[in-house]
Amino acid sequence: MRGGAVFLAFFLLFTLASLAVPVPLFPGNIIHALTGLPVDAYAPLVSALTNGVTYGLVVWLVFFVVTRRLDESGVSDYKGKKEHGQRVRKRTVKR
């Protein structure tokens, strides 16, 4: 759920930034050359959507890997303490 929100936020951020700033970014600017599409009124929109999807996926992937590593380290610490008979404190949320 959080991963979807991260992807959506960065997709919108990079798409709108690509539309607002007329500077060609890497994946969007080569789409027209690779596909042979004519550069017309739709070129900035296709470029912006390509940039949004590409950079949104990159940020989502980084988020996914980092949260996976953090979750694994938290679980391994919990299991290690439980196996050695140490007292395991529950996490509480302060309000």
Protein backbone atom coordinates (compact mmCIF):
# COMPACT_ATOMS: atom_id res chain seq x y z
CA MET A 1 0.00 0.00 0.00
CA ARG A 2 2.76 2.44 0.91
CA GLY A 3 4.70 1.39 -2.19
CA GLY A 4 1.77 2.32 -4.41
CA ALA A 5 1.52 5.70 -2.76
CA VAL A 6 5.25 6.28 -3.24
CA PHE A 7 5.03 5.35 -6.92
CA LEU A 8 1.99 7.54 -7.49
CA ALA A 9 3.54 10.54 -5.74
CA PHE A 10 6.79 10.38 -7.68
CA PHE A 11 5.03 9.56 -10.94
CA LEU A 12 2.96 12.71 -10.60
CA LEU A 13 5.97 14.73 -9.47
CA PHE A 14 8.18 13.76 -12.41
CA THR A 15 5.35 13.92 -14.94
CA LEU A 16 4.33 17.42 -13.91
CA ALA A 17 7.95 18.55 -13.64
CA SER A 18 8.65 17.26 -17.15
CA LEU A 19 5.64 19.16 -18.46
CA ALA A 20 6.46 22.37 -16.58
CA VAL A 21 10.18 22.54 -17.35
CA PRO A 22 10.99 22.18 -21.05
CA VAL A 23 14.35 20.49 -20.46
CA PRO A 24 14.70 17.05 -22.08
CA LEU A 25 15.29 14.32 -19.51
CA PHE A 26 16.90 11.01 -20.40
CA PRO A 27 14.25 8.40 -21.07
CA GLY A 28 11.63 10.76 -22.42
CA ASN A 29 13.78 12.50 -24.97
CA ILE A 30 14.92 9.32 -26.75
CA ILE A 31 11.44 7.84 -27.18
CA HIS A 32 10.84 9.90 -30.29
CA ALA A 33 14.13 8.85 -31.85
CA LEU A 34 13.62 5.15 -31.09
CA THR A 35 10.02 4.92 -32.25
CA GLY A 36 10.23 7.35 -35.13
CA LEU A 37 7.33 9.42 -33.84
CA PRO A 38 7.13 12.89 -35.31
CA VAL A 39 7.81 15.73 -32.91
CA ASP A 40 4.46 17.46 -32.68
CA ALA A 41 2.02 18.62 -30.03
CA TYR A 42 1.99 15.20 -28.30
CA ALA A 43 5.77 14.96 -27.95
CA PRO A 44 6.01 16.73 -24.58
CA LEU A 45 3.15 14.64 -23.17
CA VAL A 46 4.70 11.33 -24.28
CA SER A 47 8.06 12.44 -22.92
CA ALA A 48 6.55 13.50 -19.58
CA LEU A 49 4.63 10.24 -19.15
CA THR A 50 7.74 8.22 -19.99
CA ASN A 51 9.77 10.17 -17.46
CA GLY A 52 7.06 9.79 -14.81
CA VAL A 53 6.81 6.03 -15.24
CA THR A 54 10.58 5.51 -15.40
CA TYR A 55 11.56 7.63 -12.43
CA GLY A 56 8.49 6.55 -10.45
CA LEU A 57 9.54 2.92 -10.86
CA VAL A 58 13.13 3.70 -9.89
CA VAL A 59 12.07 5.46 -6.69
CA TRP A 60 9.54 2.71 -5.90
CA LEU A 61 12.23 0.05 -6.38
CA VAL A 62 14.61 1.86 -4.03
CA PHE A 63 11.79 2.23 -1.48
CA PHE A 64 10.93 -1.47 -1.79
CA VAL A 65 14.53 -2.65 -1.31
CA VAL A 66 15.16 -0.35 1.66
CA THR A 67 11.96 -1.32 3.46
CA ARG A 68 12.65 -5.01 2.79
CA ARG A 69 16.13 -4.68 4.30
CA LEU A 70 14.82 -2.80 7.31
CA ASP A 71 12.08 -5.35 7.89
CA GLU A 72 14.52 -8.25 7.63
CA SER A 73 16.94 -6.69 10.10
CA GLY A 74 14.13 -6.02 12.56
CA VAL A 75 12.86 -9.59 12.33
CA SER A 76 16.31 -11.11 12.70
CA ASP A 77 17.00 -9.02 15.82
CA TYR A 78 13.71 -10.16 17.32
CA LYS A 79 14.37 -13.83 16.56
CA GLY A 80 17.94 -13.63 17.87
CA LYS A 81 16.85 -12.17 21.19
CA LYS A 82 14.02 -14.66 21.53
CA GLU A 83 16.32 -17.64 20.90
CA HIS A 84 18.84 -16.52 23.52
CA GLY A 85 16.17 -15.98 26.16
CA GLN A 86 16.56 -12.24 26.28
CA ARG A 87 13.62 -10.09 27.06
CA VAL A 88 11.97 -8.65 23.94
CA ARG A 89 10.32 -5.27 24.33
CA LYS A 90 7.22 -4.56 22.36
CA ARG A 91 7.16 -1.41 20.32
CA THR A 92 4.64 1.11 21.51
CA VAL A 93 3.28 4.09 19.66
CA LYS A 94 3.38 7.34 21.59
CA ARG A 95 0.47 9.63 21.02
